[in-house]
Amino acid sequence: MFLNLILGGIFLVLATSTASGAALPTGTMEGHLKIVSPRAVEPSDAMPRLTVAPETYAKYPLIVFSADGKREIARVTADVNGNYRVALPPGAYFLDVQDRTARRLRARPQPFTVVSDQTVRVDMNVVIGFARGAL
């Protein structure tokens, strides 16, 4: 009988944790990564603007941190068009560029809040060209 109680308790704990794990609501964070390279002179219409090669986006992975900045929640890499999307549990977060400070990139961490079954848009601008080898 004691064994049946233990097995029943274990089954109940496993069933509850599985059901609650599957029922967690999520929301979505999506956005666009814009890579900017400053120039002394702006190009004219006769001179084409610098375009970003699709593989360049992969060099600037983005990290979703907890609101307090102590925990990394997710990593996301922009696609060849600079767009990104990630599902997250409801809560407060901020988005930053991986190794932003060490690579001397200019980007402002973006705070955002995810709400269940909704999409929040968080765009990220990264200014490059201040450190050698940034691109």
C-alpha atoms as a PDB file:
ATOM      1  CA  MET A   1       0.000   0.000   0.000  1.00  0.00           C
ATOM      2  CA  PHE A   2       2.839   2.392   0.874  1.00  0.00           C
ATOM      3  CA  LEU A   3       4.439   1.665  -2.494  1.00  0.00           C
ATOM      4  CA  ASN A   4       1.147   2.483  -4.252  1.00  0.00           C
ATOM      5  CA  LEU A   5       0.990   5.855  -2.468  1.00  0.00           C
ATOM      6  CA  ILE A   6       4.535   6.705  -3.520  1.00  0.00           C
ATOM      7  CA  LEU A   7       3.934   5.659  -7.124  1.00  0.00           C
ATOM      8  CA  GLY A   8       0.655   7.585  -7.178  1.00  0.00           C
ATOM      9  CA  GLY A   9       2.382  10.687  -5.816  1.00  0.00           C
ATOM     10  CA  ILE A  10       5.141  10.474  -8.404  1.00  0.00           C
ATOM     11  CA  PHE A  11       2.581  10.034 -11.186  1.00  0.00           C
ATOM     12  CA  LEU A  12       0.606  13.042  -9.948  1.00  0.00           C
ATOM     13  CA  VAL A  13       3.732  15.244  -9.836  1.00  0.00           C
ATOM     14  CA  LEU A  14       4.807  14.165 -13.333  1.00  0.00           C
ATOM     15  CA  ALA A  15       1.323  14.624 -14.789  1.00  0.00           C
ATOM     16  CA  THR A  16       0.949  18.070 -13.238  1.00  0.00           C
ATOM     17  CA  SER A  17       4.383  19.288 -14.377  1.00  0.00           C
ATOM     18  CA  THR A  18       3.797  17.985 -17.917  1.00  0.00           C
ATOM     19  CA  ALA A  19       0.365  19.570 -18.166  1.00  0.00           C
ATOM     20  CA  SER A  20       1.509  22.894 -16.752  1.00  0.00           C
ATOM     21  CA  GLY A  21       4.600  22.895 -19.023  1.00  0.00           C
ATOM     22  CA  ALA A  22       2.482  22.410 -22.122  1.00  0.00           C
ATOM     23  CA  ALA A  23      -0.036  25.073 -21.099  1.00  0.00           C
ATOM     24  CA  LEU A  24       2.440  27.932 -20.684  1.00  0.00           C
ATOM     25  CA  PRO A  25       1.242  30.870 -22.779  1.00  0.00           C
ATOM     26  CA  THR A  26       3.704  32.648 -25.030  1.00  0.00           C
ATOM     27  CA  GLY A  27       3.917  35.864 -26.950  1.00  0.00           C
ATOM     28  CA  THR A  28       6.200  36.913 -29.768  1.00  0.00           C
ATOM     29  CA  MET A  29       8.901  39.512 -30.159  1.00  0.00           C
ATOM     30  CA  GLU A  30       9.809  40.451 -33.706  1.00  0.00           C
ATOM     31  CA  GLY A  31      11.759  43.228 -35.336  1.00  0.00           C
ATOM     32  CA  HIS A  32      14.309  44.382 -37.865  1.00  0.00           C
ATOM     33  CA  LEU A  33      18.062  44.745 -37.432  1.00  0.00           C
ATOM     34  CA  LYS A  34      19.410  47.827 -39.194  1.00  0.00           C
ATOM     35  CA  ILE A  35      23.172  48.010 -39.613  1.00  0.00           C
ATOM     36  CA  VAL A  36      24.449  51.546 -40.138  1.00  0.00           C
ATOM     37  CA  SER A  37      27.951  52.515 -41.201  1.00  0.00           C
ATOM     38  CA  PRO A  38      28.637  56.231 -40.687  1.00  0.00           C
ATOM     39  CA  ARG A  39      30.274  58.150 -43.506  1.00  0.00           C
ATOM     40  CA  ALA A  40      31.796  61.601 -43.629  1.00  0.00           C
ATOM     41  CA  VAL A  41      29.796  62.448 -46.762  1.00  0.00           C
ATOM     42  CA  GLU A  42      26.315  61.182 -47.500  1.00  0.00           C
ATOM     43  CA  PRO A  43      25.987  59.495 -50.912  1.00  0.00           C
ATOM     44  CA  SER A  44      23.965  61.301 -53.542  1.00  0.00           C
ATOM     45  CA  ASP A  45      21.394  59.816 -55.887  1.00  0.00           C
ATOM     46  CA  ALA A  46      24.157  59.355 -58.457  1.00  0.00           C
ATOM     47  CA  MET A  47      26.210  57.403 -55.928  1.00  0.00           C
ATOM     48  CA  PRO A  48      24.507  54.276 -54.549  1.00  0.00           C
ATOM     49  CA  ARG A  49      24.171  53.809 -50.803  1.00  0.00           C
ATOM     50  CA  LEU A  50      26.058  51.100 -48.975  1.00  0.00           C
ATOM     51  CA  THR A  51      23.984  47.936 -48.855  1.00  0.00           C
ATOM     52  CA  VAL A  52      24.341  45.261 -46.230  1.00  0.00           C
ATOM     53  CA  ALA A  53      25.285  41.806 -47.461  1.00  0.00           C
ATOM     54  CA  PRO A  54      22.822  39.182 -46.202  1.00  0.00           C
ATOM     55  CA  GLU A  55      25.551  37.248 -44.371  1.00  0.00           C
ATOM     56  CA  THR A  56      26.478  40.390 -42.410  1.00  0.00           C
ATOM     57  CA  TYR A  57      23.366  40.088 -40.220  1.00  0.00           C
ATOM     58  CA  ALA A  58      24.682  36.815 -38.799  1.00  0.00           C
ATOM     59  CA  LYS A  59      27.716  38.691 -37.418  1.00  0.00           C
ATOM     60  CA  TYR A  60      25.452  40.626 -35.043  1.00  0.00           C
ATOM     61  CA  PRO A  61      23.437  38.101 -32.991  1.00  0.00           C
ATOM     62  CA  LEU A  62      20.884  39.567 -30.613  1.00  0.00           C
ATOM     63  CA  ILE A  63      20.318  38.475 -27.033  1.00  0.00           C
ATOM     64  CA  VAL A  64      17.126  38.694 -25.008  1.00  0.00           C
ATOM     65  CA  PHE A  65      17.884  39.325 -21.340  1.00  0.00           C
ATOM     66  CA  SER A  66      15.648  39.271 -18.290  1.00  0.00           C
ATOM     67  CA  ALA A  67      14.527  42.747 -17.188  1.00  0.00           C
ATOM     68  CA  ASP A  68      17.227  42.839 -14.498  1.00  0.00           C
ATOM     69  CA  GLY A  69      19.914  41.916 -17.056  1.00  0.00           C
ATOM     70  CA  LYS A  70      21.153  38.960 -15.026  1.00  0.00           C
ATOM     71  CA  ARG A  71      19.820  36.100 -17.157  1.00  0.00           C
ATOM     72  CA  GLU A  72      20.086  35.386 -20.839  1.00  0.00           C
ATOM     73  CA  ILE A  73      16.668  34.204 -21.994  1.00  0.00           C
ATOM     74  CA  ALA A  74      17.169  33.661 -25.735  1.00  0.00           C
ATOM     75  CA  ARG A  75      19.476  34.323 -28.676  1.00  0.00           C
ATOM     76  CA  VAL A  76      18.169  35.313 -32.059  1.00  0.00           C
ATOM     77  CA  THR A  77      19.903  35.924 -35.383  1.00  0.00           C
ATOM     78  CA  ALA A  78      18.359  38.072 -38.082  1.00  0.00           C
ATOM     79  CA  ASP A  79      17.550  36.423 -41.397  1.00  0.00           C
ATOM     80  CA  VAL A  80      19.063  37.537 -44.734  1.00  0.00           C
ATOM     81  CA  ASN A  81      16.669  40.514 -44.802  1.00  0.00           C
ATOM     82  CA  GLY A  82      17.493  41.619 -41.251  1.00  0.00           C
ATOM     83  CA  ASN A  83      14.246  40.363 -39.711  1.00  0.00           C
ATOM     84  CA  TYR A  84      14.022  38.315 -36.530  1.00  0.00           C
ATOM     85  CA  ARG A  85      11.301  36.652 -34.475  1.00  0.00           C
ATOM     86  CA  VAL A  86      11.253  34.675 -31.230  1.00  0.00           C
ATOM     87  CA  ALA A  87       8.530  33.230 -28.981  1.00  0.00           C
ATOM     88  CA  LEU A  88       8.863  34.160 -25.305  1.00  0.00           C
ATOM     89  CA  PRO A  89       6.861  33.676 -22.119  1.00  0.00           C
ATOM     90  CA  PRO A  90       5.010  36.795 -20.925  1.00  0.00           C
ATOM     91  CA  GLY A  91       7.257  39.186 -19.029  1.00  0.00           C
ATOM     92  CA  ALA A  92       9.624  42.144 -19.168  1.00  0.00           C
ATOM     93  CA  TYR A  93      12.876  41.843 -21.120  1.00  0.00           C
ATOM     94  CA  PHE A  94      15.449  43.822 -23.007  1.00  0.00           C
ATOM     95  CA  LEU A  95      17.133  43.171 -26.341  1.00  0.00           C
ATOM     96  CA  ASP A  96      20.837  43.832 -26.879  1.00  0.00           C
ATOM     97  CA  VAL A  97      23.577  43.006 -29.390  1.00  0.00           C
ATOM     98  CA  GLN A  98      25.945  40.227 -28.349  1.00  0.00           C
ATOM     99  CA  ASP A  99      29.286  41.633 -27.101  1.00  0.00           C
ATOM    100  CA  ARG A 100      28.190  45.192 -27.929  1.00  0.00           C
ATOM    101  CA  THR A 101      30.593  46.842 -25.490  1.00  0.00           C
ATOM    102  CA  ALA A 102      33.604  44.641 -26.253  1.00  0.00           C
ATOM    103  CA  ARG A 103      33.137  45.146 -29.995  1.00  0.00           C
ATOM    104  CA  ARG A 104      32.635  48.898 -29.525  1.00  0.00           C
ATOM    105  CA  LEU A 105      29.314  48.859 -31.346  1.00  0.00           C
ATOM    106  CA  ARG A 106      26.844  51.665 -30.892  1.00  0.00           C
ATOM    107  CA  ALA A 107      23.445  50.226 -30.105  1.00  0.00           C
ATOM    108  CA  ARG A 108      20.911  51.040 -27.431  1.00  0.00           C
ATOM    109  CA  PRO A 109      19.506  48.080 -25.469  1.00  0.00           C
ATOM    110  CA  GLN A 110      15.762  48.001 -26.114  1.00  0.00           C
ATOM    111  CA  PRO A 111      13.374  47.232 -23.222  1.00  0.00           C
ATOM    112  CA  PHE A 112      10.118  45.492 -24.104  1.00  0.00           C
ATOM    113  CA  THR A 113       7.253  43.538 -22.583  1.00  0.00           C
ATOM    114  CA  VAL A 114       5.767  40.337 -23.979  1.00  0.00           C
ATOM    115  CA  VAL A 115       2.046  39.716 -23.501  1.00  0.00           C
ATOM    116  CA  SER A 116       0.493  36.285 -23.998  1.00  0.00           C
ATOM    117  CA  ASP A 117      -0.808  35.660 -27.546  1.00  0.00           C
ATOM    118  CA  GLN A 118       0.430  39.051 -28.791  1.00  0.00           C
ATOM    119  CA  THR A 119       3.356  40.254 -30.886  1.00  0.00           C
ATOM    120  CA  VAL A 120       5.565  43.149 -29.814  1.00  0.00           C
ATOM    121  CA  ARG A 121       7.836  44.894 -32.318  1.00  0.00           C
ATOM    122  CA  VAL A 122      11.375  45.730 -31.207  1.00  0.00           C
ATOM    123  CA  ASP A 123      13.725  47.091 -33.876  1.00  0.00           C
ATOM    124  CA  MET A 124      17.463  47.325 -33.285  1.00  0.00           C
ATOM    125  CA  ASN A 125      19.880  49.784 -34.930  1.00  0.00           C
ATOM    126  CA  VAL A 126      23.593  49.004 -34.798  1.00  0.00           C
ATOM    127  CA  VAL A 127      26.167  51.605 -35.807  1.00  0.00           C
ATOM    128  CA  ILE A 128      29.407  49.965 -36.945  1.00  0.00           C
ATOM    129  CA  GLY A 129      32.728  51.289 -38.156  1.00  0.00           C
ATOM    130  CA  PHE A 130      34.185  52.548 -34.888  1.00  0.00           C
ATOM    131  CA  ALA A 131      36.434  49.552 -34.330  1.00  0.00           C
ATOM    132  CA  ARG A 132      38.715  47.817 -36.775  1.00  0.00           C
ATOM    133  CA  GLY A 133      37.276  44.586 -38.067  1.00  0.00           C
ATOM    134  CA  ALA A 134      33.731  45.365 -36.917  1.00  0.00           C
ATOM    135  CA  LEU A 135      32.355  44.280 -40.249  1.00  0.00           C
END
